[in-house]
Amino acid sequence: MDKRQQIRRQIRSQRQALPQAERQQAAIRLCSQLDRSRLFNNSRHIAFYLANDGEIDPYFLMHAAWQRGKQCYLPVLGMRPCNRLWFIPYAAETPLVDNRFGIPEPIHPHRQRQLKPHSLDLILMPLVAFDQSGNRLGMGGGFYDRTLAFLQQRRSWRKPRLVGLAYEFQERADIPVQQWDVPLDAIVTEQHIYLV
């Protein structure tokens, strides 16, 4: 087993072992951290995710975004064999269906409603581990990295801003970085905002 797989196994196990009450308290504190930030307040079109596999839940922040009239989106897998993400508008009443990995995503019968990532202001991303340099270790599918690869080609491209959401214990100094990994602009935990 390589280093990335070891880190994934260890941190996913820690995440899944957190009691529900601790998860909820951490999610509320994370919301409070990000809700006060310029990254969030200056963004109008924001991609969220639905928490899965013990990930920190951005629901409270999504609710705050709806209350302020911000447009919220969720990632959806492109049709096979596509290996990238599209973003679909999401509201509390939007119907969901499980994708091929068992993760709920909005039903998207109208392809014209799919948004490309460069149209978003902010993408809030789940992660398994992070370091303070903005490196992110995900689940290993590479969907976000492939979708956001265009950001590595354009040095002056300012949108979207990428923010990883995590529990503080997910920080690791020893994340192996691959050339295709797209770095984050910030990481927000229940305790800190790490700006890169």
C-alpha atoms as a PDB file:
ATOM      1  CA  MET A   1       0.000   0.000   0.000  1.00  0.00           C
ATOM      2  CA  ASP A   2       1.438   3.379  -0.986  1.00  0.00           C
ATOM      3  CA  LYS A   3       1.645   6.462   1.255  1.00  0.00           C
ATOM      4  CA  ARG A   4      -1.488   8.102  -0.202  1.00  0.00           C
ATOM      5  CA  GLN A   5      -3.557   4.969   0.420  1.00  0.00           C
ATOM      6  CA  GLN A   6      -2.243   4.718   3.983  1.00  0.00           C
ATOM      7  CA  ILE A   7      -3.214   8.313   4.739  1.00  0.00           C
ATOM      8  CA  ARG A   8      -6.648   7.816   3.175  1.00  0.00           C
ATOM      9  CA  ARG A   9      -7.307   4.678   5.201  1.00  0.00           C
ATOM     10  CA  GLN A  10      -6.192   6.240   8.494  1.00  0.00           C
ATOM     11  CA  ILE A  11      -8.051   9.544   8.174  1.00  0.00           C
ATOM     12  CA  ARG A  12     -11.228   8.062   6.725  1.00  0.00           C
ATOM     13  CA  SER A  13     -11.331   5.715   9.696  1.00  0.00           C
ATOM     14  CA  GLN A  14     -10.933   8.674  12.097  1.00  0.00           C
ATOM     15  CA  ARG A  15     -13.640  10.632  10.280  1.00  0.00           C
ATOM     16  CA  GLN A  16     -16.109   7.772  10.326  1.00  0.00           C
ATOM     17  CA  ALA A  17     -15.490   7.161  14.047  1.00  0.00           C
ATOM     18  CA  LEU A  18     -16.524  10.687  15.064  1.00  0.00           C
ATOM     19  CA  PRO A  19     -19.782  10.700  17.021  1.00  0.00           C
ATOM     20  CA  GLN A  20     -22.652  12.502  15.269  1.00  0.00           C
ATOM     21  CA  ALA A  21     -22.830  15.216  17.957  1.00  0.00           C
ATOM     22  CA  GLU A  22     -19.129  16.069  17.422  1.00  0.00           C
ATOM     23  CA  ARG A  23     -19.614  16.137  13.653  1.00  0.00           C
ATOM     24  CA  GLN A  24     -22.502  18.563  13.993  1.00  0.00           C
ATOM     25  CA  GLN A  25     -20.620  20.860  16.395  1.00  0.00           C
ATOM     26  CA  ALA A  26     -17.595  20.901  14.081  1.00  0.00           C
ATOM     27  CA  ALA A  27     -19.842  21.721  11.096  1.00  0.00           C
ATOM     28  CA  ILE A  28     -21.421  24.631  12.993  1.00  0.00           C
ATOM     29  CA  ARG A  29     -17.987  25.998  13.968  1.00  0.00           C
ATOM     30  CA  LEU A  30     -16.725  25.602  10.388  1.00  0.00           C
ATOM     31  CA  CYS A  31     -19.764  27.538   9.147  1.00  0.00           C
ATOM     32  CA  SER A  32     -19.013  30.319  11.618  1.00  0.00           C
ATOM     33  CA  GLN A  33     -15.387  30.480  10.411  1.00  0.00           C
ATOM     34  CA  LEU A  34     -16.198  30.668   6.710  1.00  0.00           C
ATOM     35  CA  ASP A  35     -19.347  32.769   7.064  1.00  0.00           C
ATOM     36  CA  ARG A  36     -17.192  35.705   8.241  1.00  0.00           C
ATOM     37  CA  SER A  37     -14.584  35.365   5.492  1.00  0.00           C
ATOM     38  CA  ARG A  38     -14.207  37.503   2.377  1.00  0.00           C
ATOM     39  CA  LEU A  39     -13.888  34.328   0.300  1.00  0.00           C
ATOM     40  CA  PHE A  40     -17.476  33.447   1.142  1.00  0.00           C
ATOM     41  CA  ASN A  41     -18.963  36.928   1.388  1.00  0.00           C
ATOM     42  CA  ASN A  42     -17.568  38.083  -1.976  1.00  0.00           C
ATOM     43  CA  SER A  43     -18.864  34.997  -3.802  1.00  0.00           C
ATOM     44  CA  ARG A  44     -22.256  34.824  -5.461  1.00  0.00           C
ATOM     45  CA  HIS A  45     -22.102  31.441  -7.252  1.00  0.00           C
ATOM     46  CA  ILE A  46     -20.858  28.753  -4.853  1.00  0.00           C
ATOM     47  CA  ALA A  47     -20.448  25.011  -5.342  1.00  0.00           C
ATOM     48  CA  PHE A  48     -21.011  22.891  -2.255  1.00  0.00           C
ATOM     49  CA  TYR A  49     -21.070  19.117  -1.745  1.00  0.00           C
ATOM     50  CA  LEU A  50     -23.277  16.752   0.221  1.00  0.00           C
ATOM     51  CA  ALA A  51     -21.277  15.194   3.047  1.00  0.00           C
ATOM     52  CA  ASN A  52     -20.473  11.521   2.582  1.00  0.00           C
ATOM     53  CA  ASP A  53     -18.158   9.018   4.273  1.00  0.00           C
ATOM     54  CA  GLY A  54     -17.812  11.114   7.444  1.00  0.00           C
ATOM     55  CA  GLU A  55     -16.842  14.347   5.631  1.00  0.00           C
ATOM     56  CA  ILE A  56     -17.427  17.616   7.450  1.00  0.00           C
ATOM     57  CA  ASP A  57     -20.872  18.817   6.477  1.00  0.00           C
ATOM     58  CA  PRO A  58     -21.258  22.202   4.736  1.00  0.00           C
ATOM     59  CA  TYR A  59     -25.062  22.210   5.153  1.00  0.00           C
ATOM     60  CA  PHE A  60     -25.138  25.072   7.690  1.00  0.00           C
ATOM     61  CA  LEU A  61     -23.050  27.199   5.338  1.00  0.00           C
ATOM     62  CA  MET A  62     -25.297  26.293   2.398  1.00  0.00           C
ATOM     63  CA  HIS A  63     -28.289  27.396   4.453  1.00  0.00           C
ATOM     64  CA  ALA A  64     -26.541  30.717   5.183  1.00  0.00           C
ATOM     65  CA  ALA A  65     -25.863  31.127   1.447  1.00  0.00           C
ATOM     66  CA  TRP A  66     -29.535  30.554   0.587  1.00  0.00           C
ATOM     67  CA  GLN A  67     -30.578  33.125   3.188  1.00  0.00           C
ATOM     68  CA  ARG A  68     -28.290  35.715   1.552  1.00  0.00           C
ATOM     69  CA  GLY A  69     -29.599  35.014  -1.943  1.00  0.00           C
ATOM     70  CA  LYS A  70     -26.425  33.319  -3.166  1.00  0.00           C
ATOM     71  CA  GLN A  71     -26.699  30.698  -5.916  1.00  0.00           C
ATOM     72  CA  CYS A  72     -25.746  27.223  -4.668  1.00  0.00           C
ATOM     73  CA  TYR A  73     -24.599  24.324  -6.857  1.00  0.00           C
ATOM     74  CA  LEU A  74     -23.686  20.685  -6.368  1.00  0.00           C
ATOM     75  CA  PRO A  75     -21.219  18.623  -8.397  1.00  0.00           C
ATOM     76  CA  VAL A  76     -22.587  15.895 -10.633  1.00  0.00           C
ATOM     77  CA  LEU A  77     -20.670  13.242 -12.506  1.00  0.00           C
ATOM     78  CA  GLY A  78     -20.708  13.674 -16.243  1.00  0.00           C
ATOM     79  CA  MET A  79     -22.279  10.913 -18.304  1.00  0.00           C
ATOM     80  CA  ARG A  80     -19.992   7.933 -18.839  1.00  0.00           C
ATOM     81  CA  PRO A  81     -17.258   7.761 -19.967  1.00  0.00           C
ATOM     82  CA  CYS A  82     -16.823  11.368 -18.805  1.00  0.00           C
ATOM     83  CA  ASN A  83     -14.505  11.644 -15.833  1.00  0.00           C
ATOM     84  CA  ARG A  84     -15.176  15.268 -14.935  1.00  0.00           C
ATOM     85  CA  LEU A  85     -17.677  17.132 -12.810  1.00  0.00           C
ATOM     86  CA  TRP A  86     -20.412  19.526 -13.827  1.00  0.00           C
ATOM     87  CA  PHE A  87     -22.273  21.776 -11.431  1.00  0.00           C
ATOM     88  CA  ILE A  88     -26.065  21.910 -11.128  1.00  0.00           C
ATOM     89  CA  PRO A  89     -28.136  24.548  -9.276  1.00  0.00           C
ATOM     90  CA  TYR A  90     -29.302  23.239  -5.928  1.00  0.00           C
ATOM     91  CA  ALA A  91     -32.048  24.322  -3.532  1.00  0.00           C
ATOM     92  CA  ALA A  92     -33.534  22.550  -0.519  1.00  0.00           C
ATOM     93  CA  GLU A  93     -36.392  21.139  -2.632  1.00  0.00           C
ATOM     94  CA  THR A  94     -34.190  19.888  -5.500  1.00  0.00           C
ATOM     95  CA  PRO A  95     -34.764  16.146  -6.061  1.00  0.00           C
ATOM     96  CA  LEU A  96     -31.689  13.953  -5.642  1.00  0.00           C
ATOM     97  CA  VAL A  97     -30.638  10.577  -6.977  1.00  0.00           C
ATOM     98  CA  ASP A  98     -27.603   8.456  -6.036  1.00  0.00           C
ATOM     99  CA  ASN A  99     -24.793   8.478  -8.601  1.00  0.00           C
ATOM    100  CA  ARG A 100     -22.708   5.415  -9.471  1.00  0.00           C
ATOM    101  CA  PHE A 101     -20.728   5.804  -6.221  1.00  0.00           C
ATOM    102  CA  GLY A 102     -23.862   6.039  -4.076  1.00  0.00           C
ATOM    103  CA  ILE A 103     -23.474   9.801  -3.512  1.00  0.00           C
ATOM    104  CA  PRO A 104     -26.671  11.872  -3.861  1.00  0.00           C
ATOM    105  CA  GLU A 105     -26.637  14.467  -6.618  1.00  0.00           C
ATOM    106  CA  PRO A 106     -29.321  16.617  -8.248  1.00  0.00           C
ATOM    107  CA  ILE A 107     -31.311  15.025 -11.032  1.00  0.00           C
ATOM    108  CA  HIS A 108     -30.153  16.785 -14.172  1.00  0.00           C
ATOM    109  CA  PRO A 109     -32.511  16.164 -17.071  1.00  0.00           C
ATOM    110  CA  HIS A 110     -31.687  19.513 -18.668  1.00  0.00           C
ATOM    111  CA  ARG A 111     -28.037  19.605 -19.711  1.00  0.00           C
ATOM    112  CA  GLN A 112     -28.250  23.364 -20.365  1.00  0.00           C
ATOM    113  CA  ARG A 113     -28.501  23.901 -16.584  1.00  0.00           C
ATOM    114  CA  GLN A 114     -25.066  22.347 -16.073  1.00  0.00           C
ATOM    115  CA  LEU A 115     -22.441  24.922 -15.235  1.00  0.00           C
ATOM    116  CA  LYS A 116     -18.769  24.680 -16.064  1.00  0.00           C
ATOM    117  CA  PRO A 117     -16.423  25.360 -13.131  1.00  0.00           C
ATOM    118  CA  HIS A 118     -14.972  28.603 -14.517  1.00  0.00           C
ATOM    119  CA  SER A 119     -18.465  30.142 -14.145  1.00  0.00           C
ATOM    120  CA  LEU A 120     -18.363  29.677 -10.368  1.00  0.00           C
ATOM    121  CA  ASP A 121     -16.883  32.107  -7.855  1.00  0.00           C
ATOM    122  CA  LEU A 122     -16.103  29.553  -5.162  1.00  0.00           C
ATOM    123  CA  ILE A 123     -15.898  25.762  -4.990  1.00  0.00           C
ATOM    124  CA  LEU A 124     -16.048  24.201  -1.531  1.00  0.00           C
ATOM    125  CA  MET A 125     -14.406  20.806  -1.774  1.00  0.00           C
ATOM    126  CA  PRO A 126     -14.341  17.746   0.447  1.00  0.00           C
ATOM    127  CA  LEU A 127     -10.982  16.169   1.165  1.00  0.00           C
ATOM    128  CA  VAL A 128      -9.350  13.349   3.070  1.00  0.00           C
ATOM    129  CA  ALA A 129      -6.187  15.200   4.087  1.00  0.00           C
ATOM    130  CA  PHE A 130      -4.550  18.592   3.547  1.00  0.00           C
ATOM    131  CA  ASP A 131      -1.389  20.490   4.320  1.00  0.00           C
ATOM    132  CA  GLN A 132      -0.948  24.198   4.996  1.00  0.00           C
ATOM    133  CA  SER A 133       0.543  24.728   1.525  1.00  0.00           C
ATOM    134  CA  GLY A 134      -2.847  24.037  -0.065  1.00  0.00           C
ATOM    135  CA  ASN A 135      -2.252  20.450  -1.109  1.00  0.00           C
ATOM    136  CA  ARG A 136      -5.318  18.240  -0.948  1.00  0.00           C
ATOM    137  CA  LEU A 137      -5.611  14.483  -0.837  1.00  0.00           C
ATOM    138  CA  GLY A 138      -9.030  13.387  -2.048  1.00  0.00           C
ATOM    139  CA  MET A 139     -10.704   9.991  -2.280  1.00  0.00           C
ATOM    140  CA  GLY A 140      -8.543   8.983  -5.224  1.00  0.00           C
ATOM    141  CA  GLY A 141     -10.936   9.291  -8.167  1.00  0.00           C
ATOM    142  CA  GLY A 142      -9.319  12.480  -9.485  1.00  0.00           C
ATOM    143  CA  PHE A 143     -12.639  14.069 -10.497  1.00  0.00           C
ATOM    144  CA  TYR A 144     -11.904  17.485  -8.997  1.00  0.00           C
ATOM    145  CA  ASP A 145      -8.308  17.518 -10.311  1.00  0.00           C
ATOM    146  CA  ARG A 146      -9.387  16.685 -13.875  1.00  0.00           C
ATOM    147  CA  THR A 147     -12.269  19.152 -13.726  1.00  0.00           C
ATOM    148  CA  LEU A 148     -10.067  21.969 -12.434  1.00  0.00           C
ATOM    149  CA  ALA A 149      -6.896  21.229 -14.419  1.00  0.00           C
ATOM    150  CA  PHE A 150      -7.459  24.416 -16.457  1.00  0.00           C
ATOM    151  CA  LEU A 151      -6.433  26.415 -13.367  1.00  0.00           C
ATOM    152  CA  GLN A 152      -2.862  25.095 -13.698  1.00  0.00           C
ATOM    153  CA  GLN A 153      -2.643  26.449 -17.254  1.00  0.00           C
ATOM    154  CA  ARG A 154      -3.721  30.000 -16.465  1.00  0.00           C
ATOM    155  CA  ARG A 155      -1.661  31.765 -13.821  1.00  0.00           C
ATOM    156  CA  SER A 156      -3.869  34.885 -13.779  1.00  0.00           C
ATOM    157  CA  TRP A 157      -7.194  33.036 -13.740  1.00  0.00           C
ATOM    158  CA  ARG A 158      -8.977  34.110 -10.570  1.00  0.00           C
ATOM    159  CA  LYS A 159     -12.152  32.001 -10.713  1.00  0.00           C
ATOM    160  CA  PRO A 160     -13.162  29.831  -9.157  1.00  0.00           C
ATOM    161  CA  ARG A 161     -11.476  30.029  -5.785  1.00  0.00           C
ATOM    162  CA  LEU A 162     -10.934  26.559  -4.317  1.00  0.00           C
ATOM    163  CA  VAL A 163     -11.510  25.990  -0.620  1.00  0.00           C
ATOM    164  CA  GLY A 164     -11.123  22.625   1.061  1.00  0.00           C
ATOM    165  CA  LEU A 165     -13.343  21.849   4.055  1.00  0.00           C
ATOM    166  CA  ALA A 166     -12.058  19.509   6.743  1.00  0.00           C
ATOM    167  CA  TYR A 167     -11.783  18.643  10.387  1.00  0.00           C
ATOM    168  CA  GLU A 168      -8.633  20.006  11.993  1.00  0.00           C
ATOM    169  CA  PHE A 169      -7.286  16.464  12.559  1.00  0.00           C
ATOM    170  CA  GLN A 170      -7.142  15.949   8.777  1.00  0.00           C
ATOM    171  CA  GLU A 171      -4.073  18.169   8.496  1.00  0.00           C
ATOM    172  CA  ARG A 172      -0.935  16.229   7.529  1.00  0.00           C
ATOM    173  CA  ALA A 173       2.532  17.573   6.781  1.00  0.00           C
ATOM    174  CA  ASP A 174       3.495  14.511   4.720  1.00  0.00           C
ATOM    175  CA  ILE A 175       1.009  14.513   1.822  1.00  0.00           C
ATOM    176  CA  PRO A 176       2.625  13.134  -1.330  1.00  0.00           C
ATOM    177  CA  VAL A 177       1.927  15.597  -4.156  1.00  0.00           C
ATOM    178  CA  GLN A 178       1.415  14.532  -7.758  1.00  0.00           C
ATOM    179  CA  GLN A 179       1.959  16.797 -10.791  1.00  0.00           C
ATOM    180  CA  TRP A 180      -1.754  16.729 -11.661  1.00  0.00           C
ATOM    181  CA  ASP A 181      -2.907  17.775  -8.162  1.00  0.00           C
ATOM    182  CA  VAL A 182      -4.647  21.167  -8.280  1.00  0.00           C
ATOM    183  CA  PRO A 183      -3.779  23.175  -5.146  1.00  0.00           C
ATOM    184  CA  LEU A 184      -6.341  24.909  -2.967  1.00  0.00           C
ATOM    185  CA  ASP A 185      -6.560  28.648  -2.270  1.00  0.00           C
ATOM    186  CA  ALA A 186      -7.566  27.984   1.342  1.00  0.00           C
ATOM    187  CA  ILE A 187      -8.576  25.268   3.777  1.00  0.00           C
ATOM    188  CA  VAL A 188     -11.224  25.866   6.426  1.00  0.00           C
ATOM    189  CA  THR A 189     -11.609  23.685   9.506  1.00  0.00           C
ATOM    190  CA  GLU A 190     -13.699  24.068  12.629  1.00  0.00           C
ATOM    191  CA  GLN A 191     -10.677  25.832  14.207  1.00  0.00           C
ATOM    192  CA  HIS A 192      -8.818  27.750  11.485  1.00  0.00           C
ATOM    193  CA  ILE A 193      -8.811  29.280   8.049  1.00  0.00           C
ATOM    194  CA  TYR A 194      -5.541  28.460   6.294  1.00  0.00           C
ATOM    195  CA  LEU A 195      -4.976  30.911   3.425  1.00  0.00           C
ATOM    196  CA  VAL A 196      -2.447  29.775   0.858  1.00  0.00           C
END
